[in-house]
Amino acid sequence: MATSSKAARADDTTIAALGTPSDLGGNATAAIAAEINKLAADAFALYVKTKNFHWHMSGPHFRDYHLLLDEQGAQIFATIDPLAERSRKLGQPTLRSIGDIAKLSRIKDNDAEFVSPADMLEELVSDNKAFTASLRAAHEVASSHNDSATTSILEVYLDESERRTWFLFEASRGADRTGH
């Protein structure tokens, strides 16, 4: 019991030290930041996976897929800082480490030695769709607390995520395992 009360005091101290005034209230900012931090972790994981596939792409459409994944990786990476800063603007902590990312991310790693181009694209379609669903869920939380600033940010990222999914789907439509 002493450990949990000690942890609670540490959390209270962290919030007090990092607190930024907000009219949203502590329960709202904590709920919104929890969603935002999961999104930031997902974005890190999706970025690394996208770059992994970018670096390990092969086959006859190498150049097109390589450039597509590079563009998408840059777009995903560009979401991370605004998400983390949004959590801080709400007076809440954000990601601190690779461990935080691993704990919070819902995007699974792919450590396979070889992944076919078609499987890469298919996996990224699935991951971007899941990221889109997570963005929608976070939008609902922010909206329920009347947090227009967060919902506005998430709406832009929703559109970007849907576009990535669309491009990946169209690039892989009818492809065989080699990406042809």
N, C-alpha and C. Protein backbone atom coordinates (compact mmCIF):
# COMPACT_ATOMS: atom_id res chain seq x y z
N MET A 1 0.82 -1.19 0.00
CA MET A 1 0.00 0.00 0.00
C MET A 1 0.86 1.25 0.00
N ALA A 2 1.99 1.21 0.69
CA ALA A 2 2.87 2.36 0.73
C ALA A 2 3.40 2.69 -0.65
N THR A 3 3.64 1.67 -1.46
CA THR A 3 4.15 1.90 -2.80
C THR A 3 3.15 2.65 -3.66
N SER A 4 1.87 2.27 -3.59
CA SER A 4 0.88 2.94 -4.42
C SER A 4 0.65 4.38 -3.97
N SER A 5 0.66 4.64 -2.66
CA SER A 5 0.49 6.02 -2.21
C SER A 5 1.73 6.85 -2.55
N LYS A 6 2.89 6.21 -2.51
CA LYS A 6 4.13 6.89 -2.90
C LYS A 6 4.07 7.24 -4.39
N ALA A 7 3.58 6.31 -5.22
CA ALA A 7 3.43 6.56 -6.65
C ALA A 7 2.43 7.67 -6.90
N ALA A 8 1.33 7.68 -6.16
CA ALA A 8 0.32 8.73 -6.30
C ALA A 8 0.91 10.09 -5.96
N ARG A 9 1.73 10.15 -4.90
CA ARG A 9 2.37 11.42 -4.53
C ARG A 9 3.34 11.86 -5.62
N ALA A 10 4.07 10.91 -6.20
CA ALA A 10 5.00 11.24 -7.28
C ALA A 10 4.22 11.78 -8.48
N ASP A 11 3.07 11.17 -8.82
CA ASP A 11 2.24 11.67 -9.92
C ASP A 11 1.75 13.08 -9.62
N ASP A 12 1.29 13.32 -8.38
CA ASP A 12 0.82 14.65 -8.00
C ASP A 12 1.94 15.67 -8.10
N THR A 13 3.14 15.29 -7.69
CA THR A 13 4.29 16.19 -7.76
C THR A 13 4.64 16.49 -9.21
N THR A 14 4.60 15.47 -10.07
CA THR A 14 4.89 15.67 -11.48
C THR A 14 3.89 16.63 -12.10
N ILE A 15 2.61 16.41 -11.85
CA ILE A 15 1.59 17.28 -12.40
C ILE A 15 1.78 18.70 -11.90
N ALA A 16 2.06 18.87 -10.63
CA ALA A 16 2.27 20.21 -10.07
C ALA A 16 3.48 20.87 -10.72
N ALA A 17 4.56 20.12 -10.91
CA ALA A 17 5.78 20.68 -11.48
C ALA A 17 5.62 21.01 -12.96
N LEU A 18 4.87 20.19 -13.68
CA LEU A 18 4.71 20.38 -15.12
C LEU A 18 3.41 21.07 -15.49
N GLY A 19 2.58 21.32 -14.51
CA GLY A 19 1.24 21.85 -14.77
C GLY A 19 1.23 23.14 -15.56
N THR A 20 0.35 23.19 -16.52
CA THR A 20 0.08 24.38 -17.31
C THR A 20 -1.39 24.70 -17.07
N PRO A 21 -1.71 25.94 -16.75
CA PRO A 21 -3.11 26.27 -16.49
C PRO A 21 -4.01 25.96 -17.69
N SER A 22 -5.17 25.40 -17.40
CA SER A 22 -6.14 25.10 -18.44
C SER A 22 -7.54 25.26 -17.86
N ASP A 23 -8.45 25.72 -18.66
CA ASP A 23 -9.84 25.84 -18.21
C ASP A 23 -10.59 24.52 -18.37
N LEU A 24 -9.93 23.49 -18.88
CA LEU A 24 -10.59 22.21 -19.12
C LEU A 24 -10.76 21.37 -17.86
N GLY A 25 -9.96 21.60 -16.86
CA GLY A 25 -10.06 20.80 -15.63
C GLY A 25 -9.17 19.57 -15.69
N GLY A 26 -8.76 19.12 -14.51
CA GLY A 26 -7.81 18.01 -14.39
C GLY A 26 -8.29 16.69 -14.97
N ASN A 27 -9.55 16.35 -14.74
CA ASN A 27 -10.06 15.08 -15.29
C ASN A 27 -10.06 15.11 -16.81
N ALA A 28 -10.46 16.23 -17.38
CA ALA A 28 -10.49 16.36 -18.84
C ALA A 28 -9.08 16.31 -19.42
N THR A 29 -8.17 17.10 -18.84
CA THR A 29 -6.81 17.12 -19.40
C THR A 29 -6.13 15.77 -19.27
N ALA A 30 -6.37 15.07 -18.16
CA ALA A 30 -5.76 13.74 -17.98
C ALA A 30 -6.31 12.75 -19.01
N ALA A 31 -7.63 12.79 -19.23
CA ALA A 31 -8.25 11.86 -20.19
C ALA A 31 -7.78 12.15 -21.61
N ILE A 32 -7.72 13.42 -21.97
CA ILE A 32 -7.29 13.78 -23.32
C ILE A 32 -5.82 13.45 -23.52
N ALA A 33 -4.99 13.80 -22.55
CA ALA A 33 -3.55 13.52 -22.67
C ALA A 33 -3.27 12.02 -22.75
N ALA A 34 -4.03 11.23 -22.04
CA ALA A 34 -3.83 9.77 -22.11
C ALA A 34 -4.03 9.28 -23.54
N GLU A 35 -5.05 9.81 -24.21
CA GLU A 35 -5.29 9.43 -25.61
C GLU A 35 -4.21 9.98 -26.53
N ILE A 36 -3.84 11.22 -26.30
CA ILE A 36 -2.82 11.87 -27.13
C ILE A 36 -1.48 11.14 -27.01
N ASN A 37 -1.13 10.74 -25.79
CA ASN A 37 0.15 10.04 -25.60
C ASN A 37 0.15 8.67 -26.29
N LYS A 38 -0.99 7.98 -26.30
CA LYS A 38 -1.07 6.71 -27.05
C LYS A 38 -0.91 6.98 -28.54
N LEU A 39 -1.51 8.06 -29.02
CA LEU A 39 -1.36 8.41 -30.43
C LEU A 39 0.09 8.74 -30.77
N ALA A 40 0.76 9.48 -29.91
CA ALA A 40 2.16 9.82 -30.15
C ALA A 40 3.01 8.54 -30.19
N ALA A 41 2.74 7.60 -29.29
CA ALA A 41 3.46 6.32 -29.29
C ALA A 41 3.15 5.54 -30.57
N ASP A 42 1.88 5.52 -30.97
CA ASP A 42 1.51 4.85 -32.22
C ASP A 42 2.22 5.49 -33.41
N ALA A 43 2.29 6.81 -33.41
CA ALA A 43 2.95 7.51 -34.52
C ALA A 43 4.43 7.15 -34.58
N PHE A 44 5.10 7.09 -33.42
CA PHE A 44 6.51 6.66 -33.40
C PHE A 44 6.64 5.26 -33.99
N ALA A 45 5.80 4.34 -33.54
CA ALA A 45 5.88 2.95 -34.01
C ALA A 45 5.57 2.85 -35.50
N LEU A 46 4.56 3.58 -35.95
CA LEU A 46 4.20 3.55 -37.37
C LEU A 46 5.30 4.19 -38.21
N TYR A 47 5.91 5.24 -37.70
CA TYR A 47 7.03 5.87 -38.39
C TYR A 47 8.18 4.88 -38.56
N VAL A 48 8.56 4.21 -37.50
CA VAL A 48 9.69 3.27 -37.57
C VAL A 48 9.36 2.13 -38.52
N LYS A 49 8.13 1.61 -38.45
CA LYS A 49 7.76 0.51 -39.36
C LYS A 49 7.77 0.99 -40.81
N THR A 50 7.25 2.18 -41.06
CA THR A 50 7.23 2.72 -42.42
C THR A 50 8.64 2.89 -42.94
N LYS A 51 9.54 3.41 -42.10
CA LYS A 51 10.94 3.56 -42.52
C LYS A 51 11.62 2.20 -42.68
N ASN A 52 11.31 1.24 -41.83
CA ASN A 52 11.84 -0.12 -41.97
C ASN A 52 11.49 -0.65 -43.36
N PHE A 53 10.22 -0.54 -43.74
CA PHE A 53 9.79 -1.05 -45.04
C PHE A 53 10.39 -0.20 -46.17
N HIS A 54 10.53 1.08 -45.97
CA HIS A 54 11.19 1.97 -46.94
C HIS A 54 12.63 1.49 -47.19
N TRP A 55 13.35 1.20 -46.12
CA TRP A 55 14.75 0.78 -46.24
C TRP A 55 14.90 -0.62 -46.83
N HIS A 56 13.90 -1.48 -46.61
CA HIS A 56 14.01 -2.88 -47.03
C HIS A 56 13.15 -3.22 -48.23
N MET A 57 12.63 -2.22 -48.90
CA MET A 57 11.82 -2.45 -50.09
C MET A 57 12.68 -3.09 -51.18
N SER A 58 12.04 -3.92 -52.00
CA SER A 58 12.73 -4.55 -53.12
C SER A 58 11.72 -4.75 -54.25
N GLY A 59 12.20 -5.20 -55.37
CA GLY A 59 11.31 -5.57 -56.45
C GLY A 59 11.20 -4.54 -57.55
N PRO A 60 10.36 -4.86 -58.54
CA PRO A 60 10.27 -4.04 -59.75
C PRO A 60 9.68 -2.64 -59.53
N HIS A 61 8.94 -2.46 -58.46
CA HIS A 61 8.36 -1.14 -58.17
C HIS A 61 9.12 -0.46 -57.02
N PHE A 62 10.36 -0.88 -56.84
CA PHE A 62 11.18 -0.38 -55.74
C PHE A 62 11.12 1.15 -55.63
N ARG A 63 11.44 1.84 -56.71
CA ARG A 63 11.55 3.29 -56.64
C ARG A 63 10.23 3.94 -56.22
N ASP A 64 9.14 3.54 -56.83
CA ASP A 64 7.83 4.11 -56.48
C ASP A 64 7.47 3.85 -55.02
N TYR A 65 7.63 2.61 -54.58
CA TYR A 65 7.28 2.25 -53.20
C TYR A 65 8.23 2.92 -52.21
N HIS A 66 9.51 2.93 -52.55
CA HIS A 66 10.53 3.54 -51.70
C HIS A 66 10.21 5.02 -51.48
N LEU A 67 9.89 5.73 -52.54
CA LEU A 67 9.55 7.16 -52.42
C LEU A 67 8.24 7.36 -51.69
N LEU A 68 7.24 6.53 -51.96
CA LEU A 68 5.96 6.63 -51.27
C LEU A 68 6.14 6.48 -49.76
N LEU A 69 6.89 5.46 -49.36
CA LEU A 69 7.08 5.21 -47.93
C LEU A 69 7.94 6.28 -47.28
N ASP A 70 8.87 6.85 -48.02
CA ASP A 70 9.67 7.95 -47.48
C ASP A 70 8.78 9.16 -47.22
N GLU A 71 7.92 9.49 -48.17
CA GLU A 71 6.98 10.61 -48.02
C GLU A 71 6.04 10.37 -46.84
N GLN A 72 5.51 9.15 -46.75
CA GLN A 72 4.58 8.85 -45.67
C GLN A 72 5.29 8.85 -44.32
N GLY A 73 6.50 8.35 -44.27
CA GLY A 73 7.26 8.37 -43.01
C GLY A 73 7.47 9.79 -42.51
N ALA A 74 7.83 10.69 -43.43
CA ALA A 74 8.04 12.09 -43.05
C ALA A 74 6.74 12.70 -42.52
N GLN A 75 5.62 12.37 -43.16
CA GLN A 75 4.33 12.90 -42.71
C GLN A 75 3.98 12.39 -41.32
N ILE A 76 4.20 11.11 -41.08
CA ILE A 76 3.92 10.52 -39.77
C ILE A 76 4.82 11.15 -38.71
N PHE A 77 6.11 11.26 -39.02
CA PHE A 77 7.06 11.84 -38.06
C PHE A 77 6.64 13.26 -37.67
N ALA A 78 6.10 14.00 -38.63
CA ALA A 78 5.70 15.39 -38.38
C ALA A 78 4.53 15.49 -37.41
N THR A 79 3.83 14.41 -37.13
CA THR A 79 2.71 14.44 -36.19
C THR A 79 3.16 14.30 -34.74
N ILE A 80 4.33 13.73 -34.52
CA ILE A 80 4.74 13.35 -33.17
C ILE A 80 4.92 14.56 -32.25
N ASP A 81 5.68 15.54 -32.68
CA ASP A 81 5.94 16.70 -31.82
C ASP A 81 4.67 17.48 -31.48
N PRO A 82 3.82 17.78 -32.46
CA PRO A 82 2.57 18.48 -32.09
C PRO A 82 1.70 17.67 -31.12
N LEU A 83 1.67 16.35 -31.26
CA LEU A 83 0.89 15.54 -30.33
C LEU A 83 1.47 15.63 -28.92
N ALA A 84 2.79 15.44 -28.81
CA ALA A 84 3.43 15.50 -27.50
C ALA A 84 3.28 16.90 -26.89
N GLU A 85 3.44 17.92 -27.69
CA GLU A 85 3.30 19.29 -27.18
C GLU A 85 1.86 19.58 -26.77
N ARG A 86 0.89 18.96 -27.45
CA ARG A 86 -0.51 19.18 -27.05
C ARG A 86 -0.74 18.65 -25.64
N SER A 87 -0.18 17.48 -25.35
CA SER A 87 -0.29 16.91 -24.01
C SER A 87 0.31 17.86 -22.98
N ARG A 88 1.45 18.43 -23.30
CA ARG A 88 2.10 19.37 -22.38
C ARG A 88 1.31 20.67 -22.24
N LYS A 89 0.71 21.15 -23.33
CA LYS A 89 -0.12 22.35 -23.25
C LYS A 89 -1.31 22.13 -22.32
N LEU A 90 -1.73 20.90 -22.19
CA LEU A 90 -2.82 20.55 -21.28
C LEU A 90 -2.34 20.37 -19.85
N GLY A 91 -1.02 20.59 -19.62
CA GLY A 91 -0.47 20.46 -18.28
C GLY A 91 -0.21 19.03 -17.87
N GLN A 92 -0.12 18.14 -18.83
CA GLN A 92 0.09 16.73 -18.56
C GLN A 92 1.45 16.28 -19.11
N PRO A 93 2.01 15.24 -18.54
CA PRO A 93 3.28 14.71 -19.07
C PRO A 93 3.04 14.00 -20.40
N THR A 94 4.13 13.80 -21.13
CA THR A 94 4.06 13.08 -22.40
C THR A 94 5.13 12.01 -22.43
N LEU A 95 5.40 11.45 -23.58
CA LEU A 95 6.36 10.35 -23.71
C LEU A 95 7.74 10.77 -23.22
N ARG A 96 8.42 9.82 -22.59
CA ARG A 96 9.76 10.09 -22.07
C ARG A 96 10.83 9.18 -22.65
N SER A 97 10.41 8.04 -23.21
CA SER A 97 11.42 7.05 -23.58
C SER A 97 10.88 6.04 -24.59
N ILE A 98 11.79 5.24 -25.10
CA ILE A 98 11.42 4.11 -25.96
C ILE A 98 10.52 3.16 -25.17
N GLY A 99 10.78 3.02 -23.88
CA GLY A 99 9.94 2.18 -23.03
C GLY A 99 8.50 2.68 -22.98
N ASP A 100 8.32 3.99 -22.86
CA ASP A 100 6.97 4.57 -22.90
C ASP A 100 6.29 4.26 -24.23
N ILE A 101 7.03 4.42 -25.30
CA ILE A 101 6.48 4.16 -26.63
C ILE A 101 6.04 2.70 -26.73
N ALA A 102 6.92 1.79 -26.30
CA ALA A 102 6.60 0.36 -26.37
C ALA A 102 5.39 0.01 -25.51
N LYS A 103 5.28 0.64 -24.36
CA LYS A 103 4.18 0.36 -23.44
C LYS A 103 2.85 0.88 -23.98
N LEU A 104 2.85 2.04 -24.61
CA LEU A 104 1.62 2.69 -25.02
C LEU A 104 1.18 2.39 -26.46
N SER A 105 2.11 2.03 -27.32
CA SER A 105 1.77 1.85 -28.74
C SER A 105 0.91 0.63 -28.98
N ARG A 106 -0.03 0.80 -29.90
CA ARG A 106 -0.89 -0.30 -30.32
C ARG A 106 -0.48 -0.83 -31.69
N ILE A 107 0.53 -0.23 -32.30
CA ILE A 107 1.07 -0.67 -33.58
C ILE A 107 2.16 -1.70 -33.30
N LYS A 108 2.02 -2.87 -33.87
CA LYS A 108 2.98 -3.96 -33.62
C LYS A 108 4.20 -3.83 -34.52
N ASP A 109 5.37 -4.16 -33.95
CA ASP A 109 6.61 -4.17 -34.71
C ASP A 109 6.60 -5.29 -35.74
N ASN A 110 7.45 -5.14 -36.75
CA ASN A 110 7.71 -6.22 -37.70
C ASN A 110 9.22 -6.36 -37.80
N ASP A 111 9.74 -7.40 -37.16
CA ASP A 111 11.18 -7.64 -37.12
C ASP A 111 11.62 -8.73 -38.10
N ALA A 112 10.77 -9.08 -39.04
CA ALA A 112 11.09 -10.15 -39.98
C ALA A 112 12.31 -9.79 -40.82
N GLU A 113 13.10 -10.81 -41.14
CA GLU A 113 14.28 -10.62 -41.98
C GLU A 113 13.90 -10.15 -43.38
N PHE A 114 12.79 -10.70 -43.89
CA PHE A 114 12.33 -10.31 -45.22
C PHE A 114 10.81 -10.23 -45.21
N VAL A 115 10.29 -9.18 -45.81
CA VAL A 115 8.85 -9.01 -46.00
C VAL A 115 8.67 -8.65 -47.46
N SER A 116 7.78 -9.34 -48.15
CA SER A 116 7.55 -9.04 -49.56
C SER A 116 6.95 -7.64 -49.70
N PRO A 117 7.17 -7.01 -50.85
CA PRO A 117 6.59 -5.69 -51.06
C PRO A 117 5.07 -5.67 -50.85
N ALA A 118 4.37 -6.66 -51.36
CA ALA A 118 2.91 -6.70 -51.20
C ALA A 118 2.53 -6.82 -49.73
N ASP A 119 3.26 -7.64 -48.98
CA ASP A 119 2.96 -7.80 -47.55
C ASP A 119 3.28 -6.51 -46.78
N MET A 120 4.33 -5.81 -47.19
CA MET A 120 4.64 -4.52 -46.55
C MET A 120 3.48 -3.55 -46.72
N LEU A 121 3.03 -3.42 -47.96
CA LEU A 121 1.94 -2.48 -48.24
C LEU A 121 0.66 -2.89 -47.51
N GLU A 122 0.36 -4.18 -47.52
CA GLU A 122 -0.84 -4.68 -46.85
C GLU A 122 -0.78 -4.41 -45.34
N GLU A 123 0.37 -4.63 -44.75
CA GLU A 123 0.52 -4.38 -43.31
C GLU A 123 0.39 -2.90 -42.99
N LEU A 124 0.96 -2.05 -43.84
CA LEU A 124 0.85 -0.62 -43.61
C LEU A 124 -0.57 -0.11 -43.83
N VAL A 125 -1.32 -0.71 -44.76
CA VAL A 125 -2.73 -0.36 -44.91
C VAL A 125 -3.45 -0.65 -43.59
N SER A 126 -3.24 -1.84 -43.06
CA SER A 126 -3.89 -2.24 -41.81
C SER A 126 -3.48 -1.33 -40.65
N ASP A 127 -2.20 -1.02 -40.53
CA ASP A 127 -1.72 -0.18 -39.44
C ASP A 127 -2.24 1.26 -39.56
N ASN A 128 -2.29 1.78 -40.77
CA ASN A 128 -2.82 3.14 -40.95
C ASN A 128 -4.32 3.18 -40.67
N LYS A 129 -5.05 2.13 -41.04
CA LYS A 129 -6.47 2.06 -40.71
C LYS A 129 -6.66 2.03 -39.19
N ALA A 130 -5.83 1.26 -38.50
CA ALA A 130 -5.91 1.19 -37.04
C ALA A 130 -5.56 2.55 -36.43
N PHE A 131 -4.56 3.22 -36.98
CA PHE A 131 -4.18 4.55 -36.49
C PHE A 131 -5.34 5.53 -36.69
N THR A 132 -6.00 5.44 -37.84
CA THR A 132 -7.16 6.28 -38.11
C THR A 132 -8.25 6.05 -37.06
N ALA A 133 -8.52 4.78 -36.75
CA ALA A 133 -9.54 4.46 -35.73
C ALA A 133 -9.14 5.03 -34.37
N SER A 134 -7.86 4.97 -34.04
CA SER A 134 -7.39 5.53 -32.77
C SER A 134 -7.51 7.05 -32.76
N LEU A 135 -7.25 7.68 -33.90
CA LEU A 135 -7.44 9.13 -34.01
C LEU A 135 -8.90 9.49 -33.78
N ARG A 136 -9.81 8.71 -34.35
CA ARG A 136 -11.24 8.98 -34.17
C ARG A 136 -11.65 8.83 -32.70
N ALA A 137 -11.12 7.80 -32.04
CA ALA A 137 -11.43 7.58 -30.62
C ALA A 137 -10.91 8.74 -29.77
N ALA A 138 -9.69 9.19 -30.05
CA ALA A 138 -9.14 10.33 -29.31
C ALA A 138 -9.94 11.60 -29.60
N HIS A 139 -10.38 11.75 -30.82
CA HIS A 139 -11.21 12.90 -31.19
C HIS A 139 -12.49 12.91 -30.36
N GLU A 140 -13.09 11.74 -30.19
CA GLU A 140 -14.32 11.62 -29.38
C GLU A 140 -14.08 12.07 -27.93
N VAL A 141 -12.94 11.63 -27.36
CA VAL A 141 -12.61 12.02 -25.99
C VAL A 141 -12.43 13.53 -25.90
N ALA A 142 -11.64 14.09 -26.82
CA ALA A 142 -11.41 15.53 -26.79
C ALA A 142 -12.71 16.31 -27.02
N SER A 143 -13.51 15.81 -27.93
CA SER A 143 -14.78 16.47 -28.22
C SER A 143 -15.73 16.43 -27.02
N SER A 144 -15.73 15.32 -26.32
CA SER A 144 -16.61 15.19 -25.14
C SER A 144 -16.23 16.17 -24.03
N HIS A 145 -15.00 16.68 -24.08
CA HIS A 145 -14.53 17.66 -23.09
C HIS A 145 -14.45 19.07 -23.70
N ASN A 146 -15.05 19.25 -24.87
CA ASN A 146 -15.07 20.55 -25.55
C ASN A 146 -13.67 21.11 -25.81
N ASP A 147 -12.74 20.23 -26.15
CA ASP A 147 -11.36 20.64 -26.43
C ASP A 147 -11.20 20.81 -27.95
N SER A 148 -11.57 21.98 -28.42
CA SER A 148 -11.52 22.27 -29.86
C SER A 148 -10.10 22.27 -30.41
N ALA A 149 -9.14 22.70 -29.63
CA ALA A 149 -7.76 22.73 -30.12
C ALA A 149 -7.28 21.32 -30.46
N THR A 150 -7.55 20.37 -29.57
CA THR A 150 -7.13 19.00 -29.84
C THR A 150 -7.93 18.40 -31.00
N THR A 151 -9.24 18.62 -31.02
CA THR A 151 -10.03 18.05 -32.12
C THR A 151 -9.58 18.60 -33.47
N SER A 152 -9.21 19.86 -33.52
CA SER A 152 -8.74 20.46 -34.78
C SER A 152 -7.47 19.79 -35.27
N ILE A 153 -6.53 19.58 -34.36
CA ILE A 153 -5.27 18.90 -34.72
C ILE A 153 -5.58 17.49 -35.23
N LEU A 154 -6.42 16.79 -34.50
CA LEU A 154 -6.72 15.40 -34.86
C LEU A 154 -7.45 15.29 -36.19
N GLU A 155 -8.27 16.28 -36.52
CA GLU A 155 -8.97 16.25 -37.80
C GLU A 155 -8.02 16.31 -38.97
N VAL A 156 -6.97 17.09 -38.86
CA VAL A 156 -5.95 17.15 -39.91
C VAL A 156 -5.25 15.79 -40.02
N TYR A 157 -4.90 15.21 -38.88
CA TYR A 157 -4.20 13.93 -38.89
C TYR A 157 -5.10 12.79 -39.37
N LEU A 158 -6.40 12.90 -39.12
CA LEU A 158 -7.34 11.92 -39.66
C LEU A 158 -7.32 11.94 -41.18
N ASP A 159 -7.38 13.12 -41.75
CA ASP A 159 -7.35 13.24 -43.21
C ASP A 159 -6.05 12.68 -43.78
N GLU A 160 -4.93 12.99 -43.15
CA GLU A 160 -3.64 12.49 -43.61
C GLU A 160 -3.57 10.97 -43.52
N SER A 161 -4.07 10.42 -42.43
CA SER A 161 -4.04 8.97 -42.23
C SER A 161 -4.92 8.25 -43.25
N GLU A 162 -6.09 8.82 -43.52
CA GLU A 162 -6.96 8.24 -44.55
C GLU A 162 -6.31 8.31 -45.92
N ARG A 163 -5.61 9.38 -46.20
CA ARG A 163 -4.91 9.51 -47.49
C ARG A 163 -3.79 8.47 -47.61
N ARG A 164 -3.03 8.28 -46.53
CA ARG A 164 -1.97 7.26 -46.56
C ARG A 164 -2.57 5.88 -46.84
N THR A 165 -3.66 5.58 -46.15
CA THR A 165 -4.33 4.29 -46.34
C THR A 165 -4.77 4.14 -47.79
N TRP A 166 -5.37 5.15 -48.33
CA TRP A 166 -5.84 5.14 -49.72
C TRP A 166 -4.69 4.88 -50.69
N PHE A 167 -3.59 5.64 -50.55
CA PHE A 167 -2.45 5.48 -51.45
C PHE A 167 -1.85 4.08 -51.33
N LEU A 168 -1.69 3.58 -50.11
CA LEU A 168 -1.12 2.24 -49.91
C LEU A 168 -2.04 1.18 -50.51
N PHE A 169 -3.34 1.34 -50.30
CA PHE A 169 -4.30 0.39 -50.85
C PHE A 169 -4.24 0.38 -52.37
N GLU A 170 -4.27 1.56 -52.97
CA GLU A 170 -4.25 1.64 -54.44
C GLU A 170 -2.93 1.11 -55.01
N ALA A 171 -1.82 1.38 -54.32
CA ALA A 171 -0.52 0.90 -54.79
C ALA A 171 -0.43 -0.62 -54.74
N SER A 172 -1.18 -1.23 -53.83
CA SER A 172 -1.10 -2.68 -53.66
C SER A 172 -2.26 -3.43 -54.32
N ARG A 173 -3.22 -2.72 -54.85
CA ARG A 173 -4.41 -3.35 -55.43
C ARG A 173 -4.01 -4.34 -56.53
N GLY A 174 -4.40 -5.59 -56.32
CA GLY A 174 -4.15 -6.63 -57.33
C GLY A 174 -2.71 -7.09 -57.44
N ALA A 175 -1.84 -6.63 -56.55
CA ALA A 175 -0.44 -7.03 -56.63
C ALA A 175 -0.24 -8.46 -56.18
N ASP A 176 0.72 -9.14 -56.81
CA ASP A 176 1.08 -10.47 -56.31
C ASP A 176 2.08 -10.29 -55.17
N ARG A 177 2.55 -11.36 -54.61
CA ARG A 177 3.45 -11.29 -53.44
C ARG A 177 4.73 -10.52 -53.70
N THR A 178 5.15 -10.42 -54.98
CA THR A 178 6.38 -9.71 -55.27
C THR A 178 6.16 -8.21 -55.49
N GLY A 179 4.88 -7.81 -55.46
CA GLY A 179 4.58 -6.41 -55.67
C GLY A 179 4.25 -6.07 -57.11
N HIS A 180 4.24 -7.07 -57.98
CA HIS A 180 3.89 -6.84 -59.40
C HIS A 180 2.41 -6.64 -59.54
